[in-house]
N, C-alpha and C. Protein backbone atom coordinates (compact mmCIF):
# COMPACT_ATOMS: atom_id res chain seq x y z
N MET A 1 0.73 -1.22 -0.04
CA MET A 1 0.04 -0.09 0.10
C MET A 1 0.83 1.27 -0.03
N THR A 2 2.00 1.23 0.78
CA THR A 2 2.72 2.39 0.73
C THR A 2 3.42 2.48 -0.69
N GLN A 3 3.84 1.55 -1.18
CA GLN A 3 4.44 1.87 -2.61
C GLN A 3 3.48 2.47 -3.47
N ASP A 4 2.07 1.99 -3.34
CA ASP A 4 0.97 2.51 -4.40
C ASP A 4 1.15 4.00 -3.90
N THR A 5 1.09 4.35 -2.88
CA THR A 5 0.90 5.83 -2.49
C THR A 5 2.03 6.57 -3.14
N ILE A 6 3.34 6.06 -2.92
CA ILE A 6 4.46 6.90 -3.53
C ILE A 6 4.27 6.90 -5.02
N GLN A 7 3.95 5.87 -5.60
CA GLN A 7 3.77 5.84 -7.15
C GLN A 7 2.73 7.04 -7.41
N GLN A 8 1.68 6.94 -6.78
CA GLN A 8 0.52 7.96 -7.16
C GLN A 8 1.32 9.46 -6.70
N MET A 9 2.04 9.61 -5.76
CA MET A 9 2.63 10.96 -5.55
C MET A 9 3.63 11.23 -6.50
N ASN A 10 4.48 10.30 -7.20
CA ASN A 10 5.15 10.47 -8.32
C ASN A 10 4.57 10.95 -9.57
N LYS A 11 3.28 10.20 -9.86
CA LYS A 11 2.36 10.66 -10.88
C LYS A 11 1.91 12.17 -10.74
N GLU A 12 1.38 12.20 -9.48
CA GLU A 12 0.99 13.91 -9.25
C GLU A 12 2.15 14.70 -9.47
N LEU A 13 3.38 14.33 -9.19
CA LEU A 13 4.44 15.43 -9.27
C LEU A 13 4.66 15.64 -10.71
N ILE A 14 4.68 14.61 -11.62
CA ILE A 14 4.77 14.72 -13.00
C ILE A 14 3.64 15.62 -13.57
N ALA A 15 2.46 15.20 -13.28
CA ALA A 15 1.27 16.11 -13.86
C ALA A 15 1.40 17.47 -13.30
N LEU A 16 1.91 17.87 -12.18
CA LEU A 16 1.93 19.16 -11.60
C LEU A 16 2.98 19.92 -12.47
N ARG A 17 4.22 19.25 -12.69
CA ARG A 17 5.33 19.92 -13.43
C ARG A 17 4.71 20.38 -14.72
N GLU A 18 4.06 19.38 -15.45
CA GLU A 18 3.39 19.62 -16.85
C GLU A 18 2.51 20.68 -16.81
N PHE A 19 1.50 20.75 -15.83
CA PHE A 19 0.68 21.76 -15.50
C PHE A 19 1.11 23.27 -15.38
N VAL A 20 2.25 23.33 -14.55
CA VAL A 20 2.76 24.64 -14.37
C VAL A 20 3.43 25.21 -15.83
N ALA A 21 4.14 24.03 -16.37
CA ALA A 21 4.71 24.52 -17.70
C ALA A 21 3.61 25.15 -18.65
N LEU A 22 2.42 24.48 -18.73
CA LEU A 22 1.20 24.65 -19.32
C LEU A 22 0.71 26.14 -18.89
N LEU A 23 0.54 26.40 -17.70
CA LEU A 23 0.42 27.78 -17.23
C LEU A 23 1.15 28.82 -17.83
N SER A 24 2.58 28.39 -17.75
CA SER A 24 3.35 29.33 -18.13
C SER A 24 3.44 29.65 -19.61
N THR A 25 3.07 28.63 -20.36
CA THR A 25 2.93 29.04 -21.73
C THR A 25 1.50 29.60 -22.14
N GLU A 26 0.41 29.46 -21.22
CA GLU A 26 -0.74 30.39 -21.29
C GLU A 26 -0.39 31.89 -20.82
N ARG A 27 0.44 31.96 -19.86
CA ARG A 27 0.82 33.45 -19.58
C ARG A 27 1.33 33.99 -20.85
N GLN A 28 2.52 33.34 -21.36
CA GLN A 28 3.30 34.03 -22.36
C GLN A 28 2.39 34.25 -23.77
N SER A 29 1.41 33.35 -24.03
CA SER A 29 0.40 33.55 -24.89
C SER A 29 -0.52 34.87 -24.67
N LEU A 30 -0.92 34.88 -23.31
CA LEU A 30 -1.64 36.11 -23.00
C LEU A 30 -0.94 37.54 -23.11
N LEU A 31 0.46 37.48 -22.66
CA LEU A 31 1.24 38.56 -23.09
C LEU A 31 1.36 39.01 -24.29
N ASN A 32 1.63 37.84 -25.20
CA ASN A 32 1.74 38.10 -26.84
C ASN A 32 0.54 38.30 -27.51
N ASN A 33 -0.62 38.28 -26.79
CA ASN A 33 -1.94 38.26 -27.23
C ASN A 33 -2.18 37.22 -28.47
N ASP A 34 -1.73 36.04 -28.21
CA ASP A 34 -1.74 34.91 -29.23
C ASP A 34 -3.01 34.18 -28.81
N THR A 35 -4.25 34.59 -29.45
CA THR A 35 -5.56 34.15 -29.16
C THR A 35 -5.71 32.62 -29.81
N GLU A 36 -4.92 32.55 -30.72
CA GLU A 36 -5.05 31.18 -31.41
C GLU A 36 -4.61 30.03 -30.55
N ASN A 37 -3.36 30.39 -30.07
CA ASN A 37 -2.59 29.30 -29.04
C ASN A 37 -3.57 29.28 -27.65
N LEU A 38 -4.09 30.37 -27.43
CA LEU A 38 -4.98 30.19 -26.15
C LEU A 38 -6.08 29.33 -26.38
N LEU A 39 -6.78 29.22 -27.55
CA LEU A 39 -7.90 28.63 -27.77
C LEU A 39 -7.42 26.93 -27.62
N SER A 40 -6.25 26.83 -28.01
CA SER A 40 -5.70 25.29 -28.23
C SER A 40 -5.46 24.91 -26.61
N LEU A 41 -4.93 25.88 -26.02
CA LEU A 41 -4.37 25.51 -24.64
C LEU A 41 -5.63 25.36 -23.59
N SER A 42 -6.75 25.91 -24.11
CA SER A 42 -7.80 25.93 -23.07
C SER A 42 -8.41 24.43 -22.82
N GLU A 43 -8.63 23.73 -23.90
CA GLU A 43 -8.96 22.21 -23.70
C GLU A 43 -7.96 21.42 -22.80
N VAL A 44 -6.73 21.61 -23.26
CA VAL A 44 -5.59 20.82 -22.68
C VAL A 44 -5.40 21.37 -21.24
N LYS A 45 -5.50 22.56 -20.67
CA LYS A 45 -5.51 22.88 -19.55
C LYS A 45 -6.52 22.37 -18.77
N THR A 46 -7.88 22.47 -19.10
CA THR A 46 -8.96 21.99 -18.71
C THR A 46 -8.82 20.49 -18.14
N ASN A 47 -8.41 19.68 -19.11
CA ASN A 47 -8.12 18.16 -18.96
C ASN A 47 -6.94 17.94 -18.11
N ALA A 48 -5.99 18.77 -17.93
CA ALA A 48 -4.71 18.52 -16.90
C ALA A 48 -5.40 18.97 -15.67
N ALA A 49 -5.97 19.98 -15.31
CA ALA A 49 -6.55 20.33 -14.10
C ALA A 49 -7.48 19.44 -13.68
N ASN A 50 -8.37 18.57 -14.48
CA ASN A 50 -9.18 17.57 -14.07
C ASN A 50 -8.44 16.41 -13.47
N GLN A 51 -7.46 16.09 -14.23
CA GLN A 51 -6.53 14.85 -13.91
C GLN A 51 -5.77 15.25 -12.69
N ILE A 52 -5.37 16.25 -12.31
CA ILE A 52 -4.64 16.63 -11.02
C ILE A 52 -5.95 16.57 -9.90
N MET A 53 -6.70 17.05 -9.96
CA MET A 53 -7.92 17.09 -9.09
C MET A 53 -8.35 15.66 -9.06
N GLU A 54 -8.28 14.76 -9.80
CA GLU A 54 -8.90 13.43 -9.51
C GLU A 54 -7.46 12.58 -8.85
N MET A 55 -6.40 13.04 -9.18
CA MET A 55 -5.31 12.40 -8.40
C MET A 55 -5.24 12.96 -7.03
N ASN A 56 -5.53 14.04 -6.87
CA ASN A 56 -5.61 14.59 -5.38
C ASN A 56 -6.59 13.99 -4.56
N ARG A 57 -7.69 13.82 -5.31
CA ARG A 57 -8.88 13.10 -4.68
C ARG A 57 -8.55 11.67 -4.02
N LEU A 58 -7.81 10.95 -5.05
CA LEU A 58 -7.62 9.54 -4.97
C LEU A 58 -6.53 9.37 -3.72
N ARG A 59 -5.38 10.46 -3.60
CA ARG A 59 -4.45 10.26 -2.66
C ARG A 59 -5.23 10.78 -1.28
N ARG A 60 -6.04 11.53 -1.29
CA ARG A 60 -6.61 11.80 -0.02
C ARG A 60 -7.82 10.88 0.44
N GLN A 61 -8.12 10.13 -0.43
CA GLN A 61 -9.18 8.91 -0.33
C GLN A 61 -8.44 7.98 0.31
N ASN A 62 -7.17 7.53 -0.32
CA ASN A 62 -6.45 6.57 0.29
C ASN A 62 -5.71 6.83 1.54
N LEU A 63 -5.49 7.92 1.88
CA LEU A 63 -4.68 8.60 3.14
C LEU A 63 -6.04 8.24 4.18
N LEU A 64 -7.10 8.81 3.91
CA LEU A 64 -8.30 8.45 4.85
C LEU A 64 -8.43 7.07 5.12
N ALA A 65 -8.27 6.24 4.20
CA ALA A 65 -8.70 4.71 4.34
C ALA A 65 -7.44 4.35 5.34
N LYS A 66 -6.50 4.89 5.51
CA LYS A 66 -5.32 4.29 6.23
C LYS A 66 -5.38 4.95 7.90
N GLY A 67 -6.29 6.09 7.84
CA GLY A 67 -6.16 6.63 9.03
C GLY A 67 -6.28 7.92 9.19
N PRO A 68 -6.35 8.63 10.48
CA PRO A 68 -6.61 10.10 10.40
C PRO A 68 -5.36 10.89 10.16
N ASP A 69 -4.43 10.28 9.68
CA ASP A 69 -3.05 11.10 9.60
C ASP A 69 -3.05 12.19 8.43
N THR A 70 -2.23 13.07 8.67
CA THR A 70 -1.94 14.18 7.53
C THR A 70 -1.05 13.40 6.75
N MET A 71 -0.94 14.21 5.47
CA MET A 71 0.03 13.41 4.63
C MET A 71 1.32 13.71 5.37
N GLU A 72 1.82 14.80 5.68
CA GLU A 72 3.35 14.89 6.40
C GLU A 72 3.36 13.72 7.57
N THR A 73 2.31 13.54 8.41
CA THR A 73 2.42 12.38 9.39
C THR A 73 2.49 11.13 8.84
N TRP A 74 1.87 10.81 7.67
CA TRP A 74 2.00 9.63 6.99
C TRP A 74 3.28 9.16 6.41
N ILE A 75 3.86 10.39 5.82
CA ILE A 75 5.15 10.29 5.30
C ILE A 75 6.11 10.14 6.30
N ALA A 76 6.17 10.79 7.37
CA ALA A 76 7.14 10.42 8.57
C ALA A 76 7.12 9.20 8.75
N LYS A 77 5.79 8.63 9.07
CA LYS A 77 5.82 7.20 9.63
C LYS A 77 6.19 6.20 8.70
N TYR A 78 5.77 6.30 7.34
CA TYR A 78 5.80 5.21 6.41
C TYR A 78 6.81 5.44 5.22
N ALA A 79 7.05 6.55 4.92
CA ALA A 79 7.60 6.80 3.69
C ALA A 79 8.63 8.25 3.75
N PRO A 80 9.46 8.31 4.59
CA PRO A 80 10.35 9.44 5.01
C PRO A 80 11.20 9.77 3.88
N LYS A 81 11.50 8.91 2.95
CA LYS A 81 12.25 9.09 1.83
C LYS A 81 11.62 9.93 0.63
N SER A 82 10.20 9.81 0.81
CA SER A 82 9.31 10.76 -0.29
C SER A 82 9.04 12.11 0.38
N ARG A 83 9.51 12.57 1.52
CA ARG A 83 9.25 14.03 2.09
C ARG A 83 9.74 14.88 0.86
N GLU A 84 10.68 14.76 0.08
CA GLU A 84 11.11 15.60 -0.94
C GLU A 84 9.95 15.72 -1.91
N ILE A 85 9.57 14.65 -2.44
CA ILE A 85 8.33 14.57 -3.40
C ILE A 85 7.27 15.36 -3.01
N TRP A 86 6.78 14.96 -1.67
CA TRP A 86 5.56 15.74 -1.14
C TRP A 86 5.95 17.24 -1.00
N HIS A 87 7.12 17.72 -0.81
CA HIS A 87 7.47 19.07 -0.65
C HIS A 87 7.49 19.63 -2.00
N GLU A 88 7.86 18.94 -2.99
CA GLU A 88 7.82 19.65 -4.39
C GLU A 88 6.26 19.65 -4.89
N ILE A 89 5.69 18.67 -4.71
CA ILE A 89 4.10 18.68 -5.08
C ILE A 89 3.51 20.02 -4.39
N ARG A 90 3.96 20.25 -3.03
CA ARG A 90 3.13 21.48 -2.26
C ARG A 90 3.61 22.70 -3.25
N GLN A 91 5.20 22.77 -3.32
CA GLN A 91 5.61 24.06 -3.97
C GLN A 91 5.07 24.26 -5.39
N LEU A 92 4.67 23.12 -6.27
CA LEU A 92 4.28 23.10 -7.48
C LEU A 92 2.56 23.73 -7.51
N ALA A 93 2.05 23.01 -6.48
CA ALA A 93 0.67 23.52 -6.41
C ALA A 93 0.40 24.82 -6.08
N ASP A 94 1.44 25.35 -5.25
CA ASP A 94 1.30 26.95 -5.03
C ASP A 94 1.71 27.64 -6.28
N GLN A 95 2.74 27.36 -6.90
CA GLN A 95 3.03 28.06 -8.05
C GLN A 95 2.00 27.82 -9.17
N ALA A 96 1.36 26.88 -9.21
CA ALA A 96 0.12 26.83 -10.27
C ALA A 96 -0.80 27.76 -9.89
N GLN A 97 -1.20 27.67 -8.71
CA GLN A 97 -2.19 28.72 -8.20
C GLN A 97 -1.77 30.01 -8.29
N GLN A 98 -0.60 30.47 -8.04
CA GLN A 98 -0.27 31.70 -8.37
C GLN A 98 -0.19 32.04 -9.96
N LEU A 99 0.32 31.10 -10.74
CA LEU A 99 0.18 31.40 -12.23
C LEU A 99 -1.15 31.53 -12.61
N ASN A 100 -2.05 30.73 -12.07
CA ASN A 100 -3.47 30.76 -12.52
C ASN A 100 -4.19 32.00 -12.11
N ASN A 101 -3.74 32.50 -11.08
CA ASN A 101 -4.35 33.91 -10.61
C ASN A 101 -3.66 35.00 -11.37
N THR A 102 -2.48 34.91 -11.84
CA THR A 102 -1.84 36.06 -12.64
C THR A 102 -2.63 35.73 -14.23
N ASN A 103 -2.73 34.51 -14.38
CA ASN A 103 -3.31 34.47 -15.97
C ASN A 103 -4.88 34.89 -16.06
N GLY A 104 -5.48 34.89 -14.97
CA GLY A 104 -6.64 35.31 -14.51
C GLY A 104 -6.86 36.85 -14.59
N GLU A 105 -5.84 37.48 -14.10
CA GLU A 105 -5.75 38.84 -14.04
C GLU A 105 -5.47 39.44 -15.36
N LEU A 106 -4.57 38.78 -16.10
CA LEU A 106 -4.17 39.05 -17.58
C LEU A 106 -5.36 38.91 -18.47
N ILE A 107 -6.19 37.93 -18.25
CA ILE A 107 -7.42 37.74 -19.03
C ILE A 107 -8.49 38.85 -18.67
N ASN A 108 -8.54 39.16 -17.47
CA ASN A 108 -9.53 40.23 -17.08
C ASN A 108 -9.25 41.56 -17.81
N SER A 109 -7.95 41.77 -17.48
CA SER A 109 -7.36 43.03 -17.95
C SER A 109 -7.47 43.12 -19.55
N GLN A 110 -7.40 42.04 -20.35
CA GLN A 110 -7.69 42.14 -22.07
C GLN A 110 -8.98 42.27 -22.20
N MET A 111 -9.89 41.56 -21.40
CA MET A 111 -11.26 41.61 -21.42
C MET A 111 -11.69 43.25 -21.44
N ARG A 112 -11.29 43.66 -20.33
CA ARG A 112 -11.54 45.20 -20.26
C ARG A 112 -11.13 46.18 -21.41
N HIS A 113 -9.68 45.83 -21.58
CA HIS A 113 -9.29 46.43 -22.96
C HIS A 113 -10.15 46.23 -24.07
N ASN A 114 -10.62 45.11 -24.32
CA ASN A 114 -11.40 44.73 -25.45
C ASN A 114 -12.74 45.55 -25.56
N GLN A 115 -13.35 45.37 -24.29
CA GLN A 115 -14.71 46.15 -23.93
C GLN A 115 -14.55 47.47 -24.42
N GLN A 116 -13.46 48.18 -24.02
CA GLN A 116 -13.27 49.53 -24.11
C GLN A 116 -13.26 49.92 -25.71
N ALA A 117 -12.48 49.08 -26.35
CA ALA A 117 -12.30 49.13 -27.75
C ALA A 117 -13.63 48.99 -28.48
N LEU A 118 -14.49 47.88 -28.04
CA LEU A 118 -15.70 47.73 -28.72
C LEU A 118 -16.54 49.01 -28.28
N ASN A 119 -16.46 49.55 -27.26
CA ASN A 119 -17.57 50.71 -26.99
C ASN A 119 -17.06 51.86 -27.84
N VAL A 120 -15.73 52.00 -27.98
CA VAL A 120 -15.23 53.27 -28.78
C VAL A 120 -15.78 52.91 -30.23
N LEU A 121 -15.56 51.64 -30.88
CA LEU A 121 -16.24 51.37 -32.06
C LEU A 121 -17.74 51.42 -32.15
N TYR A 122 -18.29 50.90 -31.03
CA TYR A 122 -19.90 51.11 -31.16
C TYR A 122 -20.41 52.50 -31.27
N ASN A 123 -19.78 53.34 -30.41
CA ASN A 123 -20.21 54.85 -30.39
C ASN A 123 -19.71 55.52 -31.58
N SER A 124 -18.76 55.11 -32.12
CA SER A 124 -18.17 55.66 -33.45
C SER A 124 -19.10 55.46 -34.51
N SER A 125 -19.65 54.29 -34.51
CA SER A 125 -20.47 53.77 -35.60
C SER A 125 -22.03 54.30 -35.52
N LYS A 126 -22.45 54.64 -34.23
CA LYS A 126 -23.58 55.25 -33.98
C LYS A 126 -23.60 56.65 -34.59
N SER A 127 -22.58 57.47 -34.19
CA SER A 127 -22.37 58.82 -34.70
C SER A 127 -22.23 58.81 -36.42
N ALA A 128 -21.63 57.69 -36.68
CA ALA A 128 -21.26 57.80 -38.19
C ALA A 128 -22.42 57.36 -39.05
N ALA A 129 -23.51 56.48 -38.24
CA ALA A 129 -24.55 55.91 -38.99
C ALA A 129 -25.34 57.11 -39.79
N GLY A 130 -25.54 58.21 -39.24
CA GLY A 130 -26.21 59.19 -40.04
C GLY A 130 -25.42 60.18 -41.16
N ILE A 131 -24.13 59.74 -41.60
CA ILE A 131 -23.38 60.34 -42.47
C ILE A 131 -24.11 60.19 -43.77
N TYR A 132 -24.43 59.04 -44.31
CA TYR A 132 -25.05 58.62 -45.57
C TYR A 132 -26.39 58.31 -45.62
N GLY A 133 -27.35 58.77 -46.27
CA GLY A 133 -28.63 58.23 -46.40
C GLY A 133 -28.69 57.07 -47.36
N PRO A 134 -29.92 56.34 -47.36
CA PRO A 134 -30.11 55.35 -48.12
C PRO A 134 -29.60 55.55 -49.63
N ASP A 135 -29.84 56.86 -50.11
CA ASP A 135 -29.55 57.10 -51.65
C ASP A 135 -28.06 57.15 -51.95
N GLY A 136 -27.10 57.13 -50.53
CA GLY A 136 -25.63 57.26 -50.69
C GLY A 136 -25.13 58.65 -50.62
N GLN A 137 -26.03 59.63 -50.57
CA GLN A 137 -25.68 60.85 -50.42
C GLN A 137 -25.52 61.35 -48.99
N ALA A 138 -24.42 62.32 -48.86
CA ALA A 138 -24.01 62.85 -47.40
C ALA A 138 -25.38 63.30 -46.69
N ASN A 139 -25.48 62.96 -45.60
CA ASN A 139 -26.59 63.46 -44.90
C ASN A 139 -26.32 64.16 -43.53
N ILE A 140 -25.13 64.63 -43.39
CA ILE A 140 -24.62 65.34 -42.03
C ILE A 140 -25.29 66.93 -41.95
N ASN A 141 -25.61 66.96 -40.95
CA ASN A 141 -26.00 68.56 -40.55
C ASN A 141 -25.15 68.90 -39.46
N SER A 142 -24.03 69.41 -39.44
CA SER A 142 -23.31 69.92 -38.29
C SER A 142 -23.41 71.26 -38.03
N ALA A 143 -23.99 71.60 -37.01
CA ALA A 143 -24.22 72.95 -36.44
C ALA A 143 -24.87 73.90 -37.75
N GLY A 144 -25.71 73.26 -38.45
CA GLY A 144 -26.71 73.87 -39.36
C GLY A 144 -25.81 73.89 -40.83
N ARG A 145 -24.78 73.36 -40.93
CA ARG A 145 -24.04 73.17 -42.14
C ARG A 145 -24.23 71.93 -42.91
N HIS A 146 -24.23 71.74 -44.01
CA HIS A 146 -23.98 70.70 -44.89
C HIS A 146 -22.81 70.08 -45.22
N LEU A 147 -22.44 68.93 -45.23
CA LEU A 147 -21.21 68.26 -45.55
C LEU A 147 -20.43 68.95 -46.74
N GLY A 148 -19.44 69.56 -46.65
CA GLY A 148 -18.76 70.31 -48.03
C GLY A 148 -19.24 71.63 -47.94
N SER A 149 -20.09 72.16 -47.04
CA SER A 149 -20.36 73.46 -47.22
C SER A 149 -19.41 74.30 -46.38
N GLY A 150 -19.19 75.60 -46.70
CA GLY A 150 -18.23 76.46 -45.97
C GLY A 150 -18.93 76.91 -44.74
């Protein structure tokens, strides 16, 4: 049973390393405004996050089945050599959370910027809507003057 838990921890460690790399790639794509790459990363990121959550759930379930110990206590009792693995798992989980938060902030910033640009375009198109009539002739009345009049 101990060997199974250590193997699960190693799998979780590898998955977290890959996930952190994926989040770093996402951050770079956000900074470069590479929307095409962001779209392809989205599904991969979701699948990777789901896989890690499932690994975490299984580890917790196995730990609970063995008793009320915390992971640190279990490692100290049964697998002290795996302490470094657990330490790296925790560090990578923290790093993934920080990267995900940063990426979320970048996404929100980009969404605000896009919304502002859309508002400018929308307001500009509303004011330009009356420039030409259905017959294609200029239709602007600006302070009582017609387009082209002095």
